[in-house]
Amino acid sequence: MTGDGVLRYAAFCGEPGGGNPAGVVLRAEGLGEGDMLRIAEEVGYSETAFLSQGSDERAYDVRYFSPKAEVPFCGHATVAAAVALAERIGPGPLVFTTRAGDVPVEVAESAGGRLRATLTSVRPHVEDIDPDDLREALAALDWPAADLDPAFPPRIAFAGARHLVLGAATRARLADLAYDFGRLEALMLRLDLTTVQLVHRTGETLFDVRNPFPVGGVVEDPATGAAAAAFGAYARELGLVPDDAVLTLHQGTDMGRPGILTVELRPGDPRVRVSGEGAAIPTA
């Protein structure tokens, strides 16, 4: 794998034009934080994953950088990196050691030859948000409180990174995303949030989602695996879905990069599994 440099993969889709693009550096040994941040900025995607060989061929230490800062965990870059590895060392189990903890990943090949990665989150948790902080978030988003779905109480959810979950009462509310970048960024930095997970329910286990990501230097993330895992924990804890549910999240449609994230909840296991396909992005 030496010499690959920076690879580019789309995650949570089977085609390079959909889902969320991520940079992947398979051999990051010797790179310092400044090097990683510079490379992530040059790549320009919401995140780039930097892998260093772990204890064996299928174990890796992984760090994730947006164009502006390091993040503790990134789901779509995990899927992208896992698919890139599977193309080189074959499908099967992987272990990514991240700042958030160890994340097992399983890569399988479909009958059509596409690769699909399933990550298992660290242990999640959900916490309340201070009413003043919620008012500030809504003001930054330019969302009247009446536009919130009362069935989805605002919470901060964690499954490797922290995300504020807000339910949109209508699909039109979700579609109309025009927010104060600096104001939302300041709040998110203060609360240590990675994205804001905006959700609209379209069926019993079907959801449309969007993820503002100003702290990463981009307006919106097209497909956000860490937020999907956090949302799965949130939905289960609040009793919005059963303990053994499989949820389908559609993201990126409003950006012209549609992707599908599958979220699996298992009885007796607090962790959340998030899966999706991945595809290499051709370079000129």
C-alpha atoms as a PDB file:
ATOM      1  CA  MET A   1       0.000   0.000   0.000  1.00  0.00           C
ATOM      2  CA  THR A   2       3.014   2.285   0.156  1.00  0.00           C
ATOM      3  CA  GLY A   3       2.833   5.109  -2.343  1.00  0.00           C
ATOM      4  CA  ASP A   4      -0.956   5.431  -2.514  1.00  0.00           C
ATOM      5  CA  GLY A   5      -0.780   8.901  -0.982  1.00  0.00           C
ATOM      6  CA  VAL A   6      -4.225  10.432  -0.460  1.00  0.00           C
ATOM      7  CA  LEU A   7      -7.081   8.296  -1.727  1.00  0.00           C
ATOM      8  CA  ARG A   8     -10.588   9.638  -2.240  1.00  0.00           C
ATOM      9  CA  TYR A   9     -13.684   7.561  -1.535  1.00  0.00           C
ATOM     10  CA  ALA A  10     -17.408   8.280  -1.302  1.00  0.00           C
ATOM     11  CA  ALA A  11     -19.152   6.691   1.682  1.00  0.00           C
ATOM     12  CA  PHE A  12     -22.763   5.620   2.161  1.00  0.00           C
ATOM     13  CA  CYS A  13     -23.362   5.183  -1.550  1.00  0.00           C
ATOM     14  CA  GLY A  14     -22.320   2.787  -4.280  1.00  0.00           C
ATOM     15  CA  GLU A  15     -21.355   5.483  -6.766  1.00  0.00           C
ATOM     16  CA  PRO A  16     -18.623   8.141  -6.499  1.00  0.00           C
ATOM     17  CA  GLY A  17     -21.052  10.995  -7.168  1.00  0.00           C
ATOM     18  CA  GLY A  18     -23.214  10.367  -4.104  1.00  0.00           C
ATOM     19  CA  GLY A  19     -22.817  10.094  -0.370  1.00  0.00           C
ATOM     20  CA  ASN A  20     -20.024  11.823   1.500  1.00  0.00           C
ATOM     21  CA  PRO A  21     -16.506  12.038   0.037  1.00  0.00           C
ATOM     22  CA  ALA A  22     -13.571  11.403   2.363  1.00  0.00           C
ATOM     23  CA  GLY A  23      -9.824  11.489   2.023  1.00  0.00           C
ATOM     24  CA  VAL A  24      -7.978   8.352   3.109  1.00  0.00           C
ATOM     25  CA  VAL A  25      -4.263   8.078   3.874  1.00  0.00           C
ATOM     26  CA  LEU A  26      -3.478   4.409   4.411  1.00  0.00           C
ATOM     27  CA  ARG A  27       0.115   4.913   5.574  1.00  0.00           C
ATOM     28  CA  ALA A  28       0.244   7.936   7.867  1.00  0.00           C
ATOM     29  CA  GLU A  29       3.239   6.819   9.930  1.00  0.00           C
ATOM     30  CA  GLY A  30       5.572   9.756  10.380  1.00  0.00           C
ATOM     31  CA  LEU A  31       2.954  12.419   9.779  1.00  0.00           C
ATOM     32  CA  GLY A  32       2.526  14.990  12.557  1.00  0.00           C
ATOM     33  CA  GLU A  33      -0.692  16.773  13.473  1.00  0.00           C
ATOM     34  CA  GLY A  34       0.319  19.784  11.409  1.00  0.00           C
ATOM     35  CA  ASP A  35       0.925  17.564   8.383  1.00  0.00           C
ATOM     36  CA  MET A  36      -2.463  15.886   8.772  1.00  0.00           C
ATOM     37  CA  LEU A  37      -4.297  19.178   9.148  1.00  0.00           C
ATOM     38  CA  ARG A  38      -2.545  20.589   6.084  1.00  0.00           C
ATOM     39  CA  ILE A  39      -3.409  17.529   3.996  1.00  0.00           C
ATOM     40  CA  ALA A  40      -7.043  17.599   5.159  1.00  0.00           C
ATOM     41  CA  GLU A  41      -7.257  21.267   4.216  1.00  0.00           C
ATOM     42  CA  GLU A  42      -5.764  20.565   0.788  1.00  0.00           C
ATOM     43  CA  VAL A  43      -8.152  17.665   0.194  1.00  0.00           C
ATOM     44  CA  GLY A  44     -11.046  19.929   1.162  1.00  0.00           C
ATOM     45  CA  TYR A  45     -13.521  17.221   2.173  1.00  0.00           C
ATOM     46  CA  SER A  46     -15.341  17.348   5.499  1.00  0.00           C
ATOM     47  CA  GLU A  47     -12.885  14.733   6.844  1.00  0.00           C
ATOM     48  CA  THR A  48      -9.768  12.816   5.930  1.00  0.00           C
ATOM     49  CA  ALA A  49      -8.789   9.615   7.757  1.00  0.00           C
ATOM     50  CA  PHE A  50      -5.137   8.930   8.564  1.00  0.00           C
ATOM     51  CA  LEU A  51      -4.259   5.287   9.264  1.00  0.00           C
ATOM     52  CA  SER A  52      -1.174   3.809  10.884  1.00  0.00           C
ATOM     53  CA  GLN A  53      -0.563   0.063  11.127  1.00  0.00           C
ATOM     54  CA  GLY A  54      -1.603  -1.459  14.426  1.00  0.00           C
ATOM     55  CA  SER A  55      -0.796  -4.815  16.010  1.00  0.00           C
ATOM     56  CA  ASP A  56      -1.616  -6.844  12.882  1.00  0.00           C
ATOM     57  CA  GLU A  57      -2.636  -6.483   9.241  1.00  0.00           C
ATOM     58  CA  ARG A  58      -6.271  -5.807  10.098  1.00  0.00           C
ATOM     59  CA  ALA A  59      -5.767  -3.402  13.028  1.00  0.00           C
ATOM     60  CA  TYR A  60      -5.099   0.320  12.597  1.00  0.00           C
ATOM     61  CA  ASP A  61      -4.698   3.476  14.598  1.00  0.00           C
ATOM     62  CA  VAL A  62      -6.875   6.131  12.974  1.00  0.00           C
ATOM     63  CA  ARG A  63      -7.073   9.908  13.297  1.00  0.00           C
ATOM     64  CA  TYR A  64      -9.635  12.110  11.584  1.00  0.00           C
ATOM     65  CA  PHE A  65      -9.123  15.699  10.476  1.00  0.00           C
ATOM     66  CA  SER A  66     -11.520  18.219   8.979  1.00  0.00           C
ATOM     67  CA  PRO A  67     -10.045  21.184   7.094  1.00  0.00           C
ATOM     68  CA  LYS A  68     -10.085  23.102  10.398  1.00  0.00           C
ATOM     69  CA  ALA A  69      -9.509  20.662  13.256  1.00  0.00           C
ATOM     70  CA  GLU A  70      -9.150  17.085  14.431  1.00  0.00           C
ATOM     71  CA  VAL A  71     -12.369  15.247  15.374  1.00  0.00           C
ATOM     72  CA  PRO A  72     -12.465  12.246  17.742  1.00  0.00           C
ATOM     73  CA  PHE A  73     -14.428  10.000  15.395  1.00  0.00           C
ATOM     74  CA  CYS A  74     -15.876  10.160  11.885  1.00  0.00           C
ATOM     75  CA  GLY A  75     -18.258   7.541  10.554  1.00  0.00           C
ATOM     76  CA  HIS A  76     -18.130   8.240   6.837  1.00  0.00           C
ATOM     77  CA  ALA A  77     -14.328   8.382   6.767  1.00  0.00           C
ATOM     78  CA  THR A  78     -14.319   5.073   8.677  1.00  0.00           C
ATOM     79  CA  VAL A  79     -16.506   3.492   5.998  1.00  0.00           C
ATOM     80  CA  ALA A  80     -14.335   5.003   3.257  1.00  0.00           C
ATOM     81  CA  ALA A  81     -11.105   3.771   4.863  1.00  0.00           C
ATOM     82  CA  ALA A  82     -12.530   0.300   5.492  1.00  0.00           C
ATOM     83  CA  VAL A  83     -13.620  -0.066   1.862  1.00  0.00           C
ATOM     84  CA  ALA A  84     -10.217   1.169   0.660  1.00  0.00           C
ATOM     85  CA  LEU A  85      -8.495  -1.417   2.866  1.00  0.00           C
ATOM     86  CA  ALA A  86     -10.839  -4.211   1.763  1.00  0.00           C
ATOM     87  CA  GLU A  87      -9.950  -3.522  -1.851  1.00  0.00           C
ATOM     88  CA  ARG A  88      -6.295  -4.123  -0.940  1.00  0.00           C
ATOM     89  CA  ILE A  89      -6.303  -6.805   1.772  1.00  0.00           C
ATOM     90  CA  GLY A  90      -9.742  -8.349   1.252  1.00  0.00           C
ATOM     91  CA  PRO A  91     -13.121  -8.073   3.007  1.00  0.00           C
ATOM     92  CA  GLY A  92     -13.471  -9.171   6.601  1.00  0.00           C
ATOM     93  CA  PRO A  93     -13.078  -7.783  10.121  1.00  0.00           C
ATOM     94  CA  LEU A  94     -11.014  -4.693  10.962  1.00  0.00           C
ATOM     95  CA  VAL A  95     -10.351  -2.827  14.204  1.00  0.00           C
ATOM     96  CA  PHE A  96      -9.844   0.942  14.170  1.00  0.00           C
ATOM     97  CA  THR A  97      -8.369   2.455  17.322  1.00  0.00           C
ATOM     98  CA  THR A  98      -9.650   6.035  17.455  1.00  0.00           C
ATOM     99  CA  ARG A  99      -9.558   8.869  19.976  1.00  0.00           C
ATOM    100  CA  ALA A 100     -13.092   7.816  20.974  1.00  0.00           C
ATOM    101  CA  GLY A 101     -12.089   4.179  21.521  1.00  0.00           C
ATOM    102  CA  ASP A 102     -11.835   0.940  19.548  1.00  0.00           C
ATOM    103  CA  VAL A 103     -14.294   0.684  16.650  1.00  0.00           C
ATOM    104  CA  PRO A 104     -14.771  -2.763  15.069  1.00  0.00           C
ATOM    105  CA  VAL A 105     -15.591  -2.663  11.351  1.00  0.00           C
ATOM    106  CA  GLU A 106     -16.786  -5.534   9.181  1.00  0.00           C
ATOM    107  CA  VAL A 107     -16.521  -5.288   5.392  1.00  0.00           C
ATOM    108  CA  ALA A 108     -18.526  -7.647   3.190  1.00  0.00           C
ATOM    109  CA  GLU A 109     -18.910  -7.963  -0.565  1.00  0.00           C
ATOM    110  CA  SER A 110     -22.399  -8.013  -2.045  1.00  0.00           C
ATOM    111  CA  ALA A 111     -23.549 -10.346  -4.802  1.00  0.00           C
ATOM    112  CA  GLY A 112     -23.048  -7.454  -7.206  1.00  0.00           C
ATOM    113  CA  GLY A 113     -19.442  -7.016  -6.127  1.00  0.00           C
ATOM    114  CA  ARG A 114     -19.919  -3.824  -4.126  1.00  0.00           C
ATOM    115  CA  LEU A 115     -18.258  -3.454  -0.743  1.00  0.00           C
ATOM    116  CA  ARG A 116     -20.292  -2.574   2.331  1.00  0.00           C
ATOM    117  CA  ALA A 117     -18.785  -1.611   5.683  1.00  0.00           C
ATOM    118  CA  THR A 118     -20.484  -1.886   9.069  1.00  0.00           C
ATOM    119  CA  LEU A 119     -18.975  -0.046  12.033  1.00  0.00           C
ATOM    120  CA  THR A 120     -19.865  -0.699  15.651  1.00  0.00           C
ATOM    121  CA  SER A 121     -19.847   2.433  17.782  1.00  0.00           C
ATOM    122  CA  VAL A 122     -18.357   2.950  21.197  1.00  0.00           C
ATOM    123  CA  ARG A 123     -20.851   2.938  24.054  1.00  0.00           C
ATOM    124  CA  PRO A 124     -23.243   5.869  23.453  1.00  0.00           C
ATOM    125  CA  HIS A 125     -25.015   8.221  25.811  1.00  0.00           C
ATOM    126  CA  VAL A 126     -27.647  10.958  25.616  1.00  0.00           C
ATOM    127  CA  GLU A 127     -27.880  14.135  27.701  1.00  0.00           C
ATOM    128  CA  ASP A 128     -30.139  17.150  28.082  1.00  0.00           C
ATOM    129  CA  ILE A 129     -29.307  20.506  26.537  1.00  0.00           C
ATOM    130  CA  ASP A 130     -29.531  23.686  28.575  1.00  0.00           C
ATOM    131  CA  PRO A 131     -32.605  25.727  27.520  1.00  0.00           C
ATOM    132  CA  ASP A 132     -30.459  28.824  26.905  1.00  0.00           C
ATOM    133  CA  ASP A 133     -28.146  26.820  24.638  1.00  0.00           C
ATOM    134  CA  LEU A 134     -31.141  25.443  22.757  1.00  0.00           C
ATOM    135  CA  ARG A 135     -32.487  28.953  22.210  1.00  0.00           C
ATOM    136  CA  GLU A 136     -29.097  30.021  20.875  1.00  0.00           C
ATOM    137  CA  ALA A 137     -28.976  27.029  18.508  1.00  0.00           C
ATOM    138  CA  LEU A 138     -32.442  27.824  17.161  1.00  0.00           C
ATOM    139  CA  ALA A 139     -31.529  31.486  16.751  1.00  0.00           C
ATOM    140  CA  ALA A 140     -28.382  30.562  14.822  1.00  0.00           C
ATOM    141  CA  LEU A 141     -30.389  28.226  12.593  1.00  0.00           C
ATOM    142  CA  ASP A 142     -33.182  30.792  12.234  1.00  0.00           C
ATOM    143  CA  TRP A 143     -35.694  28.158  13.337  1.00  0.00           C
ATOM    144  CA  PRO A 144     -38.732  29.290  15.318  1.00  0.00           C
ATOM    145  CA  ALA A 145     -39.386  26.950  18.240  1.00  0.00           C
ATOM    146  CA  ALA A 146     -42.727  26.103  16.636  1.00  0.00           C
ATOM    147  CA  ASP A 147     -40.842  24.418  13.769  1.00  0.00           C
ATOM    148  CA  LEU A 148     -39.511  21.717  16.109  1.00  0.00           C
ATOM    149  CA  ASP A 149     -41.225  18.335  16.117  1.00  0.00           C
ATOM    150  CA  PRO A 150     -42.495  17.834  19.688  1.00  0.00           C
ATOM    151  CA  ALA A 151     -42.053  14.068  19.290  1.00  0.00           C
ATOM    152  CA  PHE A 152     -38.272  14.614  19.115  1.00  0.00           C
ATOM    153  CA  PRO A 153     -37.101  16.391  22.280  1.00  0.00           C
ATOM    154  CA  PRO A 154     -33.806  18.249  21.720  1.00  0.00           C
ATOM    155  CA  ARG A 155     -30.886  16.316  23.176  1.00  0.00           C
ATOM    156  CA  ILE A 156     -27.128  15.995  22.823  1.00  0.00           C
ATOM    157  CA  ALA A 157     -26.227  12.450  21.748  1.00  0.00           C
ATOM    158  CA  PHE A 158     -22.814  10.783  21.701  1.00  0.00           C
ATOM    159  CA  ALA A 159     -21.569   7.636  19.957  1.00  0.00           C
ATOM    160  CA  GLY A 160     -17.965   8.651  19.422  1.00  0.00           C
ATOM    161  CA  ALA A 161     -18.629  12.371  18.920  1.00  0.00           C
ATOM    162  CA  ARG A 162     -21.218  14.801  20.298  1.00  0.00           C
ATOM    163  CA  HIS A 163     -24.184  15.906  18.169  1.00  0.00           C
ATOM    164  CA  LEU A 164     -27.189  18.082  18.948  1.00  0.00           C
ATOM    165  CA  VAL A 165     -30.343  16.318  17.714  1.00  0.00           C
ATOM    166  CA  LEU A 166     -33.249  18.517  16.593  1.00  0.00           C
ATOM    167  CA  GLY A 167     -36.468  17.237  15.014  1.00  0.00           C
ATOM    168  CA  ALA A 168     -38.001  19.225  12.146  1.00  0.00           C
ATOM    169  CA  ALA A 169     -41.791  19.289  12.174  1.00  0.00           C
ATOM    170  CA  THR A 170     -41.998  19.376   8.358  1.00  0.00           C
ATOM    171  CA  ARG A 171     -39.866  18.324   5.408  1.00  0.00           C
ATOM    172  CA  ALA A 172     -40.022  21.912   4.168  1.00  0.00           C
ATOM    173  CA  ARG A 173     -38.390  23.080   7.406  1.00  0.00           C
ATOM    174  CA  LEU A 174     -35.583  20.574   6.903  1.00  0.00           C
ATOM    175  CA  ALA A 175     -35.124  21.603   3.275  1.00  0.00           C
ATOM    176  CA  ASP A 176     -34.749  25.293   4.127  1.00  0.00           C
ATOM    177  CA  LEU A 177     -31.263  25.341   5.645  1.00  0.00           C
ATOM    178  CA  ALA A 178     -29.742  28.824   5.780  1.00  0.00           C
ATOM    179  CA  TYR A 179     -27.985  29.507   9.071  1.00  0.00           C
ATOM    180  CA  ASP A 180     -25.594  31.938  10.718  1.00  0.00           C
ATOM    181  CA  PHE A 181     -22.295  30.083  10.216  1.00  0.00           C
ATOM    182  CA  GLY A 182     -20.225  31.984  12.780  1.00  0.00           C
ATOM    183  CA  ARG A 183     -22.929  32.034  15.444  1.00  0.00           C
ATOM    184  CA  LEU A 184     -23.619  28.297  15.212  1.00  0.00           C
ATOM    185  CA  GLU A 185     -19.902  27.531  15.086  1.00  0.00           C
ATOM    186  CA  ALA A 186     -19.289  29.476  18.304  1.00  0.00           C
ATOM    187  CA  LEU A 187     -22.041  27.614  20.139  1.00  0.00           C
ATOM    188  CA  MET A 188     -20.835  24.236  18.867  1.00  0.00           C
ATOM    189  CA  LEU A 189     -17.264  24.930  19.928  1.00  0.00           C
ATOM    190  CA  ARG A 190     -18.451  25.902  23.404  1.00  0.00           C
ATOM    191  CA  LEU A 191     -20.558  22.729  23.724  1.00  0.00           C
ATOM    192  CA  ASP A 192     -17.964  20.479  22.008  1.00  0.00           C
ATOM    193  CA  LEU A 193     -20.411  19.496  19.264  1.00  0.00           C
ATOM    194  CA  THR A 194     -19.230  17.934  16.019  1.00  0.00           C
ATOM    195  CA  THR A 195     -22.436  18.466  14.005  1.00  0.00           C
ATOM    196  CA  VAL A 196     -26.066  19.337  14.506  1.00  0.00           C
ATOM    197  CA  GLN A 197     -28.289  16.408  13.502  1.00  0.00           C
ATOM    198  CA  LEU A 198     -31.480  17.781  11.921  1.00  0.00           C
ATOM    199  CA  VAL A 199     -34.097  15.044  11.526  1.00  0.00           C
ATOM    200  CA  HIS A 200     -37.504  14.638   9.890  1.00  0.00           C
ATOM    201  CA  ARG A 201     -39.386  11.364  10.253  1.00  0.00           C
ATOM    202  CA  THR A 202     -40.859  10.025   7.002  1.00  0.00           C
ATOM    203  CA  GLY A 203     -41.889   6.549   8.202  1.00  0.00           C
ATOM    204  CA  GLU A 204     -41.784   4.226  11.196  1.00  0.00           C
ATOM    205  CA  THR A 205     -38.070   3.547  10.684  1.00  0.00           C
ATOM    206  CA  LEU A 206     -37.337   6.044   7.876  1.00  0.00           C
ATOM    207  CA  PHE A 207     -35.763   9.459   8.377  1.00  0.00           C
ATOM    208  CA  ASP A 208     -34.438  12.333   6.301  1.00  0.00           C
ATOM    209  CA  VAL A 209     -31.464  14.050   7.965  1.00  0.00           C
ATOM    210  CA  ARG A 210     -29.113  17.003   7.432  1.00  0.00           C
ATOM    211  CA  ASN A 211     -25.937  17.942   9.330  1.00  0.00           C
ATOM    212  CA  PRO A 212     -24.570  21.497   9.595  1.00  0.00           C
ATOM    213  CA  PHE A 213     -20.817  21.248  10.232  1.00  0.00           C
ATOM    214  CA  PRO A 214     -19.381  24.769  10.652  1.00  0.00           C
ATOM    215  CA  VAL A 215     -16.762  23.626  13.186  1.00  0.00           C
ATOM    216  CA  GLY A 216     -15.251  21.520  10.406  1.00  0.00           C
ATOM    217  CA  GLY A 217     -15.113  24.436   7.999  1.00  0.00           C
ATOM    218  CA  VAL A 218     -17.973  23.245   5.765  1.00  0.00           C
ATOM    219  CA  VAL A 219     -21.594  24.370   5.707  1.00  0.00           C
ATOM    220  CA  GLU A 220     -23.056  20.868   5.606  1.00  0.00           C
ATOM    221  CA  ASP A 221     -21.886  17.270   5.790  1.00  0.00           C
ATOM    222  CA  PRO A 222     -23.480  15.094   3.061  1.00  0.00           C
ATOM    223  CA  ALA A 223     -23.601  11.795   5.049  1.00  0.00           C
ATOM    224  CA  THR A 224     -22.599  11.579   8.690  1.00  0.00           C
ATOM    225  CA  GLY A 225     -22.001   8.140  10.190  1.00  0.00           C
ATOM    226  CA  ALA A 226     -21.060   9.338  13.672  1.00  0.00           C
ATOM    227  CA  ALA A 227     -24.252  11.405  13.863  1.00  0.00           C
ATOM    228  CA  ALA A 228     -26.267   8.447  12.574  1.00  0.00           C
ATOM    229  CA  ALA A 229     -24.900   6.298  15.396  1.00  0.00           C
ATOM    230  CA  ALA A 230     -25.664   9.032  17.929  1.00  0.00           C
ATOM    231  CA  PHE A 231     -29.175   9.375  16.526  1.00  0.00           C
ATOM    232  CA  GLY A 232     -29.752   5.636  16.842  1.00  0.00           C
ATOM    233  CA  ALA A 233     -28.841   5.819  20.529  1.00  0.00           C
ATOM    234  CA  TYR A 234     -31.058   8.880  20.959  1.00  0.00           C
ATOM    235  CA  ALA A 235     -34.069   7.295  19.236  1.00  0.00           C
ATOM    236  CA  ARG A 236     -33.766   4.131  21.316  1.00  0.00           C
ATOM    237  CA  GLU A 237     -33.317   5.914  24.653  1.00  0.00           C
ATOM    238  CA  LEU A 238     -36.334   8.138  24.053  1.00  0.00           C
ATOM    239  CA  GLY A 239     -38.493   5.188  22.982  1.00  0.00           C
ATOM    240  CA  LEU A 240     -38.994   6.476  19.444  1.00  0.00           C
ATOM    241  CA  VAL A 241     -38.022   3.094  17.962  1.00  0.00           C
ATOM    242  CA  PRO A 242     -37.835  -0.481  19.300  1.00  0.00           C
ATOM    243  CA  ASP A 243     -34.667  -1.912  20.854  1.00  0.00           C
ATOM    244  CA  ASP A 244     -34.157  -4.203  17.848  1.00  0.00           C
ATOM    245  CA  ALA A 245     -34.854  -1.680  15.078  1.00  0.00           C
ATOM    246  CA  VAL A 246     -33.125  -1.197  11.746  1.00  0.00           C
ATOM    247  CA  LEU A 247     -33.369   2.467  10.737  1.00  0.00           C
ATOM    248  CA  THR A 248     -32.795   3.946   7.292  1.00  0.00           C
ATOM    249  CA  LEU A 249     -31.463   7.499   7.121  1.00  0.00           C
ATOM    250  CA  HIS A 250     -31.499   9.403   3.839  1.00  0.00           C
ATOM    251  CA  GLN A 251     -28.981  12.237   3.752  1.00  0.00           C
ATOM    252  CA  GLY A 252     -27.412  14.439   1.096  1.00  0.00           C
ATOM    253  CA  THR A 253     -30.513  14.646  -1.105  1.00  0.00           C
ATOM    254  CA  ASP A 254     -30.808  18.401  -0.592  1.00  0.00           C
ATOM    255  CA  MET A 255     -27.140  18.767  -1.588  1.00  0.00           C
ATOM    256  CA  GLY A 256     -27.340  16.654  -4.733  1.00  0.00           C
ATOM    257  CA  ARG A 257     -25.248  13.872  -3.135  1.00  0.00           C
ATOM    258  CA  PRO A 258     -27.827  11.310  -1.986  1.00  0.00           C
ATOM    259  CA  GLY A 259     -26.660   8.664   0.439  1.00  0.00           C
ATOM    260  CA  ILE A 260     -28.219   5.944   2.589  1.00  0.00           C
ATOM    261  CA  LEU A 261     -27.113   5.128   6.131  1.00  0.00           C
ATOM    262  CA  THR A 262     -28.404   1.957   7.801  1.00  0.00           C
ATOM    263  CA  VAL A 263     -28.555   2.072  11.604  1.00  0.00           C
ATOM    264  CA  GLU A 264     -28.990  -1.182  13.517  1.00  0.00           C
ATOM    265  CA  LEU A 265     -29.999  -1.485  17.167  1.00  0.00           C
ATOM    266  CA  ARG A 266     -29.689  -4.840  18.942  1.00  0.00           C
ATOM    267  CA  PRO A 267     -31.378  -5.842  22.215  1.00  0.00           C
ATOM    268  CA  GLY A 268     -28.946  -6.108  25.099  1.00  0.00           C
ATOM    269  CA  ASP A 269     -26.161  -4.259  23.256  1.00  0.00           C
ATOM    270  CA  PRO A 270     -25.946  -0.497  23.913  1.00  0.00           C
ATOM    271  CA  ARG A 271     -23.668   0.026  20.922  1.00  0.00           C
ATOM    272  CA  VAL A 272     -25.009   1.131  17.550  1.00  0.00           C
ATOM    273  CA  ARG A 273     -24.088  -0.335  14.172  1.00  0.00           C
ATOM    274  CA  VAL A 274     -23.960   1.891  11.111  1.00  0.00           C
ATOM    275  CA  SER A 275     -23.427   0.511   7.633  1.00  0.00           C
ATOM    276  CA  GLY A 276     -23.154   1.723   4.074  1.00  0.00           C
ATOM    277  CA  GLU A 277     -21.494   1.120   0.754  1.00  0.00           C
ATOM    278  CA  GLY A 278     -18.372   2.878  -0.450  1.00  0.00           C
ATOM    279  CA  ALA A 279     -16.872   3.681  -3.828  1.00  0.00           C
ATOM    280  CA  ALA A 280     -13.548   5.034  -5.040  1.00  0.00           C
ATOM    281  CA  ILE A 281     -13.640   8.502  -6.561  1.00  0.00           C
ATOM    282  CA  PRO A 282     -11.653   8.522  -9.800  1.00  0.00           C
ATOM    283  CA  THR A 283      -8.818  11.032 -10.008  1.00  0.00           C
ATOM    284  CA  ALA A 284      -7.706  12.730 -13.199  1.00  0.00           C
END
